[in-house]
Amino acid sequence: MNTTLAFGMIAGVCGLVLIIAVLKQRAQLLLNFLVRVALGSICILFTNDFLAERGIALSVGLNPVSLLTAGALGFSGVALLYGIVACKYL
């Protein structure tokens, strides 16, 4: 076996391992984002219902911008959305 071929095969295997690691990390980031979107939308729905039962006229709509905010920031994004809506009534 030629040493150049051996070094090429080792570099190829190392590159393949690095590509798999990067794709796994991206899949984990996407999964985390989707979980935060799902939990954020559930939190928004329950909070809207809770505030409506108490007679408080604050509600955040479920739209792509609010879901993106909840997905990117998590629970603090949901709190930010309610803070923005609350500032409109001051």
PDB file of N, CA and C in Angstrom:
ATOM      1  N   MET A   1       0.855  -1.180   0.000  1.00  0.00           N
ATOM      2  CA  MET A   1       0.000   0.000   0.000  1.00  0.00           C
ATOM      3  C   MET A   1       0.899   1.241   0.000  1.00  0.00           C
ATOM      4  N   ASN A   2       0.528   2.185  -0.739  1.00  0.00           N
ATOM      5  CA  ASN A   2       1.248   3.435  -0.883  1.00  0.00           C
ATOM      6  C   ASN A   2       0.996   4.318   0.333  1.00  0.00           C
ATOM      7  N   THR A   3       2.004   5.041   0.827  1.00  0.00           N
ATOM      8  CA  THR A   3       1.830   5.911   2.004  1.00  0.00           C
ATOM      9  C   THR A   3       0.892   7.071   1.693  1.00  0.00           C
ATOM     10  N   THR A   4       0.890   7.554   0.484  1.00  0.00           N
ATOM     11  CA  THR A   4      -0.018   8.634   0.112  1.00  0.00           C
ATOM     12  C   THR A   4      -1.466   8.157   0.174  1.00  0.00           C
ATOM     13  N   LEU A   5      -1.693   6.949  -0.288  1.00  0.00           N
ATOM     14  CA  LEU A   5      -3.029   6.374  -0.235  1.00  0.00           C
ATOM     15  C   LEU A   5      -3.465   6.157   1.217  1.00  0.00           C
ATOM     16  N   ALA A   6      -2.548   5.702   2.053  1.00  0.00           N
ATOM     17  CA  ALA A   6      -2.861   5.473   3.470  1.00  0.00           C
ATOM     18  C   ALA A   6      -3.209   6.795   4.152  1.00  0.00           C
ATOM     19  N   PHE A   7      -2.425   7.838   3.910  1.00  0.00           N
ATOM     20  CA  PHE A   7      -2.729   9.148   4.505  1.00  0.00           C
ATOM     21  C   PHE A   7      -4.058   9.703   3.986  1.00  0.00           C
ATOM     22  N   GLY A   8      -4.339   9.462   2.727  1.00  0.00           N
ATOM     23  CA  GLY A   8      -5.613   9.904   2.145  1.00  0.00           C
ATOM     24  C   GLY A   8      -6.795   9.195   2.780  1.00  0.00           C
ATOM     25  N   MET A   9      -6.652   7.885   3.034  1.00  0.00           N
ATOM     26  CA  MET A   9      -7.728   7.137   3.666  1.00  0.00           C
ATOM     27  C   MET A   9      -7.947   7.595   5.106  1.00  0.00           C
ATOM     28  N   ILE A  10      -6.862   7.841   5.824  1.00  0.00           N
ATOM     29  CA  ILE A  10      -6.981   8.333   7.208  1.00  0.00           C
ATOM     30  C   ILE A  10      -7.641   9.705   7.226  1.00  0.00           C
ATOM     31  N   ALA A  11      -7.253  10.597   6.332  1.00  0.00           N
ATOM     32  CA  ALA A  11      -7.866  11.929   6.253  1.00  0.00           C
ATOM     33  C   ALA A  11      -9.340  11.827   5.892  1.00  0.00           C
ATOM     34  N   GLY A  12      -9.677  10.903   4.985  1.00  0.00           N
ATOM     35  CA  GLY A  12     -11.077  10.722   4.607  1.00  0.00           C
ATOM     36  C   GLY A  12     -11.930  10.237   5.771  1.00  0.00           C
ATOM     37  N   VAL A  13     -11.414   9.283   6.550  1.00  0.00           N
ATOM     38  CA  VAL A  13     -12.147   8.780   7.704  1.00  0.00           C
ATOM     39  C   VAL A  13     -12.303   9.876   8.754  1.00  0.00           C
ATOM     40  N   CYS A  14     -11.243  10.642   8.998  1.00  0.00           N
ATOM     41  CA  CYS A  14     -11.331  11.755   9.960  1.00  0.00           C
ATOM     42  C   CYS A  14     -12.342  12.803   9.491  1.00  0.00           C
ATOM     43  N   GLY A  15     -12.361  13.108   8.218  1.00  0.00           N
ATOM     44  CA  GLY A  15     -13.336  14.051   7.676  1.00  0.00           C
ATOM     45  C   GLY A  15     -14.752  13.538   7.818  1.00  0.00           C
ATOM     46  N   LEU A  16     -14.959  12.251   7.588  1.00  0.00           N
ATOM     47  CA  LEU A  16     -16.280  11.649   7.745  1.00  0.00           C
ATOM     48  C   LEU A  16     -16.758  11.716   9.192  1.00  0.00           C
ATOM     49  N   VAL A  17     -15.863  11.462  10.138  1.00  0.00           N
ATOM     50  CA  VAL A  17     -16.213  11.566  11.558  1.00  0.00           C
ATOM     51  C   VAL A  17     -16.584  12.997  11.919  1.00  0.00           C
ATOM     52  N   LEU A  18     -15.846  13.980  11.414  1.00  0.00           N
ATOM     53  CA  LEU A  18     -16.160  15.386  11.684  1.00  0.00           C
ATOM     54  C   LEU A  18     -17.506  15.778  11.085  1.00  0.00           C
ATOM     55  N   ILE A  19     -17.813  15.315   9.897  1.00  0.00           N
ATOM     56  CA  ILE A  19     -19.099  15.626   9.259  1.00  0.00           C
ATOM     57  C   ILE A  19     -20.245  15.021  10.057  1.00  0.00           C
ATOM     58  N   ILE A  20     -20.087  13.785  10.514  1.00  0.00           N
ATOM     59  CA  ILE A  20     -21.129  13.148  11.325  1.00  0.00           C
ATOM     60  C   ILE A  20     -21.339  13.912  12.624  1.00  0.00           C
ATOM     61  N   ALA A  21     -20.249  14.363  13.255  1.00  0.00           N
ATOM     62  CA  ALA A  21     -20.368  15.122  14.507  1.00  0.00           C
ATOM     63  C   ALA A  21     -21.097  16.438  14.294  1.00  0.00           C
ATOM     64  N   VAL A  22     -20.811  17.134  13.204  1.00  0.00           N
ATOM     65  CA  VAL A  22     -21.469  18.409  12.920  1.00  0.00           C
ATOM     66  C   VAL A  22     -22.955  18.200  12.641  1.00  0.00           C
ATOM     67  N   LEU A  23     -23.295  17.168  11.871  1.00  0.00           N
ATOM     68  CA  LEU A  23     -24.701  16.898  11.569  1.00  0.00           C
ATOM     69  C   LEU A  23     -25.466  16.491  12.822  1.00  0.00           C
ATOM     70  N   LYS A  24     -24.826  15.749  13.700  1.00  0.00           N
ATOM     71  CA  LYS A  24     -25.474  15.365  14.952  1.00  0.00           C
ATOM     72  C   LYS A  24     -25.744  16.594  15.813  1.00  0.00           C
ATOM     73  N   GLN A  25     -24.788  17.514  15.861  1.00  0.00           N
ATOM     74  CA  GLN A  25     -24.958  18.733  16.649  1.00  0.00           C
ATOM     75  C   GLN A  25     -26.090  19.584  16.071  1.00  0.00           C
ATOM     76  N   ARG A  26     -26.183  19.688  14.764  1.00  0.00           N
ATOM     77  CA  ARG A  26     -27.252  20.468  14.137  1.00  0.00           C
ATOM     78  C   ARG A  26     -28.607  19.829  14.381  1.00  0.00           C
ATOM     79  N   ALA A  27     -28.666  18.515  14.341  1.00  0.00           N
ATOM     80  CA  ALA A  27     -29.923  17.820  14.613  1.00  0.00           C
ATOM     81  C   ALA A  27     -30.352  18.072  16.057  1.00  0.00           C
ATOM     82  N   GLN A  28     -29.397  18.088  16.977  1.00  0.00           N
ATOM     83  CA  GLN A  28     -29.711  18.357  18.379  1.00  0.00           C
ATOM     84  C   GLN A  28     -30.230  19.790  18.545  1.00  0.00           C
ATOM     85  N   LEU A  29     -29.631  20.750  17.855  1.00  0.00           N
ATOM     86  CA  LEU A  29     -30.091  22.135  17.920  1.00  0.00           C
ATOM     87  C   LEU A  29     -31.502  22.266  17.356  1.00  0.00           C
ATOM     88  N   LEU A  30     -31.771  21.602  16.252  1.00  0.00           N
ATOM     89  CA  LEU A  30     -33.102  21.651  15.649  1.00  0.00           C
ATOM     90  C   LEU A  30     -34.139  21.015  16.569  1.00  0.00           C
ATOM     91  N   LEU A  31     -33.782  19.894  17.187  1.00  0.00           N
ATOM     92  CA  LEU A  31     -34.700  19.233  18.108  1.00  0.00           C
ATOM     93  C   LEU A  31     -34.993  20.128  19.317  1.00  0.00           C
ATOM     94  N   ASN A  32     -33.957  20.763  19.869  1.00  0.00           N
ATOM     95  CA  ASN A  32     -34.162  21.679  20.994  1.00  0.00           C
ATOM     96  C   ASN A  32     -35.066  22.839  20.602  1.00  0.00           C
ATOM     97  N   PHE A  33     -34.869  23.385  19.418  1.00  0.00           N
ATOM     98  CA  PHE A  33     -35.697  24.487  18.949  1.00  0.00           C
ATOM     99  C   PHE A  33     -37.154  24.067  18.822  1.00  0.00           C
ATOM    100  N   LEU A  34     -37.385  22.888  18.236  1.00  0.00           N
ATOM    101  CA  LEU A  34     -38.760  22.412  18.051  1.00  0.00           C
ATOM    102  C   LEU A  34     -39.439  22.112  19.388  1.00  0.00           C
ATOM    103  N   VAL A  35     -38.692  21.610  20.349  1.00  0.00           N
ATOM    104  CA  VAL A  35     -39.264  21.359  21.679  1.00  0.00           C
ATOM    105  C   VAL A  35     -39.637  22.683  22.346  1.00  0.00           C
ATOM    106  N   ARG A  36     -38.764  23.697  22.224  1.00  0.00           N
ATOM    107  CA  ARG A  36     -39.071  25.008  22.808  1.00  0.00           C
ATOM    108  C   ARG A  36     -40.276  25.647  22.127  1.00  0.00           C
ATOM    109  N   VAL A  37     -40.433  25.457  20.815  1.00  0.00           N
ATOM    110  CA  VAL A  37     -41.611  25.984  20.108  1.00  0.00           C
ATOM    111  C   VAL A  37     -42.876  25.311  20.632  1.00  0.00           C
ATOM    112  N   ALA A  38     -42.838  23.990  20.775  1.00  0.00           N
ATOM    113  CA  ALA A  38     -44.015  23.264  21.246  1.00  0.00           C
ATOM    114  C   ALA A  38     -44.370  23.672  22.680  1.00  0.00           C
ATOM    115  N   LEU A  39     -43.384  23.703  23.569  1.00  0.00           N
ATOM    116  CA  LEU A  39     -43.665  24.078  24.956  1.00  0.00           C
ATOM    117  C   LEU A  39     -44.058  25.553  25.071  1.00  0.00           C
ATOM    118  N   GLY A  40     -43.475  26.401  24.244  1.00  0.00           N
ATOM    119  CA  GLY A  40     -43.845  27.815  24.260  1.00  0.00           C
ATOM    120  C   GLY A  40     -45.276  28.042  23.803  1.00  0.00           C
ATOM    121  N   SER A  41     -45.702  27.317  22.772  1.00  0.00           N
ATOM    122  CA  SER A  41     -47.079  27.480  22.310  1.00  0.00           C
ATOM    123  C   SER A  41     -48.067  26.950  23.341  1.00  0.00           C
ATOM    124  N   ILE A  42     -47.734  25.846  24.006  1.00  0.00           N
ATOM    125  CA  ILE A  42     -48.593  25.332  25.080  1.00  0.00           C
ATOM    126  C   ILE A  42     -48.666  26.327  26.225  1.00  0.00           C
ATOM    127  N   CYS A  43     -47.539  26.913  26.576  1.00  0.00           N
ATOM    128  CA  CYS A  43     -47.504  27.910  27.653  1.00  0.00           C
ATOM    129  C   CYS A  43     -48.335  29.141  27.292  1.00  0.00           C
ATOM    130  N   ILE A  44     -48.250  29.581  26.051  1.00  0.00           N
ATOM    131  CA  ILE A  44     -49.030  30.736  25.615  1.00  0.00           C
ATOM    132  C   ILE A  44     -50.529  30.424  25.685  1.00  0.00           C
ATOM    133  N   LEU A  45     -50.914  29.249  25.221  1.00  0.00           N
ATOM    134  CA  LEU A  45     -52.332  28.880  25.256  1.00  0.00           C
ATOM    135  C   LEU A  45     -52.866  28.816  26.689  1.00  0.00           C
ATOM    136  N   PHE A  46     -52.124  28.164  27.577  1.00  0.00           N
ATOM    137  CA  PHE A  46     -52.577  28.056  28.957  1.00  0.00           C
ATOM    138  C   PHE A  46     -52.584  29.408  29.669  1.00  0.00           C
ATOM    139  N   THR A  47     -51.603  30.243  29.381  1.00  0.00           N
ATOM    140  CA  THR A  47     -51.557  31.568  29.999  1.00  0.00           C
ATOM    141  C   THR A  47     -52.693  32.439  29.490  1.00  0.00           C
ATOM    142  N   ASN A  48     -52.994  32.362  28.197  1.00  0.00           N
ATOM    143  CA  ASN A  48     -54.134  33.111  27.654  1.00  0.00           C
ATOM    144  C   ASN A  48     -55.433  32.684  28.328  1.00  0.00           C
ATOM    145  N   ASP A  49     -55.633  31.368  28.491  1.00  0.00           N
ATOM    146  CA  ASP A  49     -56.841  30.875  29.156  1.00  0.00           C
ATOM    147  C   ASP A  49     -56.889  31.304  30.621  1.00  0.00           C
ATOM    148  N   PHE A  50     -55.759  31.222  31.310  1.00  0.00           N
ATOM    149  CA  PHE A  50     -55.699  31.613  32.718  1.00  0.00           C
ATOM    150  C   PHE A  50     -56.039  33.086  32.901  1.00  0.00           C
ATOM    151  N   LEU A  51     -55.457  33.938  32.058  1.00  0.00           N
ATOM    152  CA  LEU A  51     -55.720  35.377  32.173  1.00  0.00           C
ATOM    153  C   LEU A  51     -57.161  35.703  31.775  1.00  0.00           C
ATOM    154  N   ALA A  52     -57.724  35.001  30.810  1.00  0.00           N
ATOM    155  CA  ALA A  52     -59.114  35.240  30.401  1.00  0.00           C
ATOM    156  C   ALA A  52     -60.078  34.847  31.517  1.00  0.00           C
ATOM    157  N   GLU A  53     -59.793  33.765  32.235  1.00  0.00           N
ATOM    158  CA  GLU A  53     -60.644  33.370  33.360  1.00  0.00           C
ATOM    159  C   GLU A  53     -60.620  34.403  34.474  1.00  0.00           C
ATOM    160  N   ARG A  54     -59.509  35.091  34.628  1.00  0.00           N
ATOM    161  CA  ARG A  54     -59.370  36.104  35.675  1.00  0.00           C
ATOM    162  C   ARG A  54     -59.877  37.477  35.233  1.00  0.00           C
ATOM    163  N   GLY A  55     -60.288  37.599  33.987  1.00  0.00           N
ATOM    164  CA  GLY A  55     -60.805  38.864  33.485  1.00  0.00           C
ATOM    165  C   GLY A  55     -59.727  39.846  33.070  1.00  0.00           C
ATOM    166  N   ILE A  56     -58.515  39.369  32.865  1.00  0.00           N
ATOM    167  CA  ILE A  56     -57.404  40.230  32.444  1.00  0.00           C
ATOM    168  C   ILE A  56     -57.322  40.167  30.921  1.00  0.00           C
ATOM    169  N   ALA A  57     -57.349  41.328  30.297  1.00  0.00           N
ATOM    170  CA  ALA A  57     -57.422  41.397  28.832  1.00  0.00           C
ATOM    171  C   ALA A  57     -56.038  41.399  28.194  1.00  0.00           C
ATOM    172  N   LEU A  58     -55.183  40.481  28.583  1.00  0.00           N
ATOM    173  CA  LEU A  58     -53.879  40.328  27.948  1.00  0.00           C
ATOM    174  C   LEU A  58     -53.855  38.977  27.252  1.00  0.00           C
ATOM    175  N   SER A  59     -53.581  38.986  25.980  1.00  0.00           N
ATOM    176  CA  SER A  59     -53.444  37.715  25.274  1.00  0.00           C
ATOM    177  C   SER A  59     -52.411  37.878  24.170  1.00  0.00           C
ATOM    178  N   VAL A  60     -51.632  36.843  24.002  1.00  0.00           N
ATOM    179  CA  VAL A  60     -50.622  36.801  22.950  1.00  0.00           C
ATOM    180  C   VAL A  60     -51.121  35.840  21.887  1.00  0.00           C
ATOM    181  N   GLY A  61     -51.105  36.255  20.659  1.00  0.00           N
ATOM    182  CA  GLY A  61     -51.556  35.397  19.572  1.00  0.00           C
ATOM    183  C   GLY A  61     -50.492  34.396  19.165  1.00  0.00           C
ATOM    184  N   LEU A  62     -50.926  33.282  18.635  1.00  0.00           N
ATOM    185  CA  LEU A  62     -49.999  32.290  18.100  1.00  0.00           C
ATOM    186  C   LEU A  62     -49.817  32.567  16.610  1.00  0.00           C
ATOM    187  N   ASN A  63     -48.681  33.087  16.274  1.00  0.00           N
ATOM    188  CA  ASN A  63     -48.335  33.348  14.887  1.00  0.00           C
ATOM    189  C   ASN A  63     -46.870  32.984  14.688  1.00  0.00           C
ATOM    190  N   PRO A  64     -46.368  33.027  13.487  1.00  0.00           N
ATOM    191  CA  PRO A  64     -44.973  32.623  13.265  1.00  0.00           C
ATOM    192  C   PRO A  64     -43.955  33.445  14.059  1.00  0.00           C
ATOM    193  N   VAL A  65     -44.225  34.718  14.262  1.00  0.00           N
ATOM    194  CA  VAL A  65     -43.272  35.553  15.001  1.00  0.00           C
ATOM    195  C   VAL A  65     -43.240  35.167  16.477  1.00  0.00           C
ATOM    196  N   SER A  66     -44.400  34.929  17.079  1.00  0.00           N
ATOM    197  CA  SER A  66     -44.417  34.545  18.486  1.00  0.00           C
ATOM    198  C   SER A  66     -43.829  33.146  18.673  1.00  0.00           C
ATOM    199  N   LEU A  67     -44.067  32.239  17.742  1.00  0.00           N
ATOM    200  CA  LEU A  67     -43.483  30.906  17.844  1.00  0.00           C
ATOM    201  C   LEU A  67     -41.974  30.943  17.636  1.00  0.00           C
ATOM    202  N   LEU A  68     -41.506  31.805  16.745  1.00  0.00           N
ATOM    203  CA  LEU A  68     -40.075  31.962  16.547  1.00  0.00           C
ATOM    204  C   LEU A  68     -39.415  32.541  17.792  1.00  0.00           C
ATOM    205  N   THR A  69     -40.079  33.506  18.427  1.00  0.00           N
ATOM    206  CA  THR A  69     -39.556  34.090  19.659  1.00  0.00           C
ATOM    207  C   THR A  69     -39.505  33.052  20.768  1.00  0.00           C
ATOM    208  N   ALA A  70     -40.561  32.280  20.916  1.00  0.00           N
ATOM    209  CA  ALA A  70     -40.587  31.233  21.947  1.00  0.00           C
ATOM    210  C   ALA A  70     -39.555  30.155  21.648  1.00  0.00           C
ATOM    211  N   GLY A  71     -39.354  29.822  20.393  1.00  0.00           N
ATOM    212  CA  GLY A  71     -38.375  28.806  20.036  1.00  0.00           C
ATOM    213  C   GLY A  71     -36.952  29.264  20.233  1.00  0.00           C
ATOM    214  N   ALA A  72     -36.683  30.516  19.931  1.00  0.00           N
ATOM    215  CA  ALA A  72     -35.318  31.021  20.051  1.00  0.00           C
ATOM    216  C   ALA A  72     -34.944  31.335  21.491  1.00  0.00           C
ATOM    217  N   LEU A  73     -35.893  31.882  22.269  1.00  0.00           N
ATOM    218  CA  LEU A  73     -35.570  32.336  23.621  1.00  0.00           C
ATOM    219  C   LEU A  73     -36.126  31.454  24.730  1.00  0.00           C
ATOM    220  N   GLY A  74     -37.037  30.550  24.392  1.00  0.00           N
ATOM    221  CA  GLY A  74     -37.601  29.674  25.414  1.00  0.00           C
ATOM    222  C   GLY A  74     -38.627  30.398  26.266  1.00  0.00           C
ATOM    223  N   PHE A  75     -38.655  30.051  27.551  1.00  0.00           N
ATOM    224  CA  PHE A  75     -39.636  30.642  28.461  1.00  0.00           C
ATOM    225  C   PHE A  75     -39.454  32.149  28.594  1.00  0.00           C
ATOM    226  N   SER A  76     -38.221  32.617  28.536  1.00  0.00           N
ATOM    227  CA  SER A  76     -38.006  34.065  28.615  1.00  0.00           C
ATOM    228  C   SER A  76     -38.599  34.782  27.402  1.00  0.00           C
ATOM    229  N   GLY A  77     -38.655  34.116  26.252  1.00  0.00           N
ATOM    230  CA  GLY A  77     -39.300  34.693  25.077  1.00  0.00           C
ATOM    231  C   GLY A  77     -40.800  34.819  25.261  1.00  0.00           C
ATOM    232  N   VAL A  78     -41.415  33.817  25.919  1.00  0.00           N
ATOM    233  CA  VAL A  78     -42.847  33.889  26.207  1.00  0.00           C
ATOM    234  C   VAL A  78     -43.115  35.039  27.177  1.00  0.00           C
ATOM    235  N   ALA A  79     -42.273  35.165  28.199  1.00  0.00           N
ATOM    236  CA  ALA A  79     -42.415  36.271  29.146  1.00  0.00           C
ATOM    237  C   ALA A  79     -42.215  37.616  28.447  1.00  0.00           C
ATOM    238  N   LEU A  80     -41.299  37.675  27.505  1.00  0.00           N
ATOM    239  CA  LEU A  80     -41.074  38.897  26.731  1.00  0.00           C
ATOM    240  C   LEU A  80     -42.312  39.268  25.923  1.00  0.00           C
ATOM    241  N   LEU A  81     -42.956  38.289  25.317  1.00  0.00           N
ATOM    242  CA  LEU A  81     -44.171  38.561  24.540  1.00  0.00           C
ATOM    243  C   LEU A  81     -45.274  39.127  25.433  1.00  0.00           C
ATOM    244  N   TYR A  82     -45.458  38.544  26.610  1.00  0.00           N
ATOM    245  CA  TYR A  82     -46.463  39.068  27.523  1.00  0.00           C
ATOM    246  C   TYR A  82     -46.066  40.436  28.074  1.00  0.00           C
ATOM    247  N   GLY A  83     -44.793  40.677  28.238  1.00  0.00           N
ATOM    248  CA  GLY A  83     -44.339  41.998  28.667  1.00  0.00           C
ATOM    249  C   GLY A  83     -44.619  43.061  27.617  1.00  0.00           C
ATOM    250  N   ILE A  84     -44.430  42.718  26.357  1.00  0.00           N
ATOM    251  CA  ILE A  84     -44.721  43.663  25.273  1.00  0.00           C
ATOM    252  C   ILE A  84     -46.206  43.976  25.221  1.00  0.00           C
ATOM    253  N   VAL A  85     -47.041  42.940  25.362  1.00  0.00           N
ATOM    254  CA  VAL A  85     -48.490  43.155  25.336  1.00  0.00           C
ATOM    255  C   VAL A  85     -48.925  43.983  26.554  1.00  0.00           C
ATOM    256  N   ALA A  86     -48.299  43.718  27.701  1.00  0.00           N
ATOM    257  CA  ALA A  86     -48.653  44.471  28.914  1.00  0.00           C
ATOM    258  C   ALA A  86     -48.268  45.944  28.798  1.00  0.00           C
ATOM    259  N   CYS A  87     -47.185  46.235  28.097  1.00  0.00           N
ATOM    260  CA  CYS A  87     -46.753  47.633  27.935  1.00  0.00           C
ATOM    261  C   CYS A  87     -47.740  48.424  27.081  1.00  0.00           C
ATOM    262  N   LYS A  88     -48.497  47.762  26.212  1.00  0.00           N
ATOM    263  CA  LYS A  88     -49.490  48.476  25.411  1.00  0.00           C
ATOM    264  C   LYS A  88     -50.615  49.042  26.272  1.00  0.00           C
ATOM    265  N   TYR A  89     -50.856  48.429  27.438  1.00  0.00           N
ATOM    266  CA  TYR A  89     -51.976  48.843  28.284  1.00  0.00           C
ATOM    267  C   TYR A  89     -51.555  49.800  29.393  1.00  0.00           C
ATOM    268  N   LEU A  90     -50.319  50.234  29.412  1.00  0.00           N
ATOM    269  CA  LEU A  90     -49.879  51.186  30.444  1.00  0.00           C
ATOM    270  C   LEU A  90     -50.240  52.599  30.083  1.00  0.00           C
TER     271      LEU A  90
END
